[in-house]
Protein backbone atom coordinates (compact mmCIF):
# COMPACT_ATOMS: atom_id res chain seq x y z
CA MET A 1 4.59 -16.58 -23.19
CA SER A 2 3.08 -18.53 -20.29
CA ASP A 3 5.65 -20.71 -18.47
CA MET A 4 8.56 -19.94 -20.80
CA LYS A 5 11.66 -18.64 -19.03
CA THR A 6 12.56 -15.19 -20.32
CA THR A 7 15.39 -12.72 -20.08
CA SER A 8 15.44 -8.97 -20.66
CA LEU A 9 17.31 -7.02 -23.29
CA SER A 10 17.73 -3.26 -23.41
CA ILE A 11 18.46 -1.61 -26.74
CA ARG A 12 18.87 1.97 -27.89
CA LEU A 13 16.68 3.16 -30.75
CA ASP A 14 16.99 6.36 -32.74
CA GLU A 15 13.84 8.49 -33.02
CA ASP A 16 12.85 7.14 -36.45
CA LEU A 17 13.13 3.53 -35.35
CA GLU A 18 11.20 4.27 -32.15
CA ARG A 19 8.38 5.89 -34.16
CA MET A 20 8.36 2.90 -36.50
CA LEU A 21 8.19 0.46 -33.58
CA VAL A 22 5.33 2.38 -31.95
CA LYS A 23 3.37 2.54 -35.23
CA VAL A 24 3.85 -1.15 -36.06
CA SER A 25 2.93 -2.26 -32.55
CA ARG A 26 -0.15 -0.01 -32.47
CA ASP A 27 -1.29 -1.11 -35.96
CA ALA A 28 -0.77 -4.78 -35.13
CA GLY A 29 -2.26 -4.56 -31.64
CA LEU A 30 0.94 -5.97 -30.15
CA THR A 31 3.35 -4.77 -27.50
CA ARG A 32 6.66 -3.29 -28.54
CA SER A 33 8.35 -6.37 -27.06
CA GLU A 34 6.18 -8.70 -29.17
CA VAL A 35 7.08 -6.76 -32.33
CA ALA A 36 10.79 -6.82 -31.44
CA ARG A 37 10.70 -10.58 -30.73
CA ASP A 38 8.93 -11.22 -34.03
CA ALA A 39 11.51 -9.13 -35.90
CA LEU A 40 14.34 -11.06 -34.25
CA ARG A 41 12.72 -14.40 -35.16
CA ARG A 42 12.27 -13.30 -38.78
CA GLN A 43 15.84 -12.04 -39.04
CA SER A 44 17.10 -15.29 -37.56
CA ARG A 45 15.13 -17.34 -40.13
CA ILE A 46 16.46 -15.23 -42.98
CA ARG A 47 20.04 -15.68 -41.78
CA GLN A 48 19.54 -19.43 -41.34
CA PHE A 49 18.21 -19.67 -44.88
CA GLU A 50 21.05 -17.58 -46.31
CA ASN A 51 23.63 -19.76 -44.56
CA LEU A 52 21.94 -22.94 -45.76
CA ARG A 53 21.67 -21.54 -49.28
CA ARG A 54 25.39 -20.75 -49.43
CA ARG A 55 26.24 -24.29 -48.32
CA VAL A 56 24.05 -26.05 -50.85
CA MET A 57 24.11 -23.89 -53.99
CA SER A 58 27.06 -25.71 -55.53
CA PHE A 59 25.32 -29.01 -54.78
CA ALA A 60 22.05 -27.70 -56.24
CA GLY A 61 23.83 -26.37 -59.34
CA ALA A 62 25.39 -29.76 -59.98
CA ARG A 63 21.90 -31.30 -59.77
CA GLY A 64 20.42 -28.93 -62.37
CA PHE A 65 19.19 -26.11 -60.13
CA PRO A 66 21.46 -23.19 -61.10
CA THR A 67 19.29 -20.41 -59.63
CA ASP A 68 17.20 -19.83 -56.53
CA GLU A 69 14.07 -19.64 -58.64
CA ASP A 70 14.80 -23.11 -60.09
CA VAL A 71 14.99 -24.49 -56.55
CA PHE A 72 11.80 -22.73 -55.43
CA THR A 73 9.90 -23.77 -58.54
CA ASN A 74 10.92 -27.40 -58.02
CA VAL A 75 10.01 -27.28 -54.33
CA MET A 76 6.58 -25.80 -55.04
CA GLU A 77 5.81 -28.14 -57.94
CA SER A 78 7.00 -31.24 -56.13
CA GLY A 79 4.54 -30.83 -53.29
CA LEU A 80 7.33 -30.61 -50.70
CA ALA A 81 6.01 -27.22 -49.63
CA THR A 82 2.29 -27.73 -49.22
CA ARG A 83 1.93 -26.44 -45.66
CA GLY A 84 -0.65 -23.77 -46.55
CA LEU A 85 1.78 -21.36 -48.17
CA ALA A 86 0.77 -18.01 -49.60
CA LEU A 87 2.56 -17.42 -52.90
CA ASP A 88 1.83 -13.66 -53.17
CA ASN A 89 2.43 -13.36 -56.94
CA ASN A 90 5.85 -15.05 -56.76
CA VAL A 91 7.03 -12.79 -53.95
CA LEU A 92 9.36 -14.76 -51.71
CA THR A 93 7.76 -14.93 -48.29
CA LEU A 94 9.30 -16.27 -45.12
CA GLN A 95 7.00 -19.27 -45.44
CA ARG A 96 8.54 -20.01 -48.85
CA TYR A 97 12.03 -19.58 -47.37
CA ASP A 98 11.18 -22.05 -44.61
CA ALA A 99 9.66 -24.57 -47.01
CA ALA A 100 12.56 -24.30 -49.44
CA ALA A 101 15.10 -24.63 -46.64
CA GLU A 102 13.41 -27.83 -45.46
CA ALA A 103 13.36 -29.22 -48.98
CA ILE A 104 17.00 -28.30 -49.63
CA ARG A 105 17.99 -30.06 -46.42
CA GLY A 106 16.39 -33.16 -47.94
CA PHE A 107 18.60 -32.86 -51.06
CA ALA A 108 21.84 -32.69 -49.05
């Protein structure tokens, strides 16, 4: 984190969540704080995408994109999302969410 200003946050975890956090951090070779920050970033991106999706779905539907998969297929085929994305057998990854969100912003 170098010169970045930080603040502290204390949270209570039940035993199962604590065990999960310890296992994930150990397996990934990261601190518990790094894992928690990453989880918060991911959750924030998902929420941002969901909010953006709600705002533009009527617009997308009127333009011939009635489903999420129609939007994602168009984004992937159009080359708008060529930032080294892993497609994981059509599993929606956060990278695909990010790329689709950027492309949808361009439609609006």
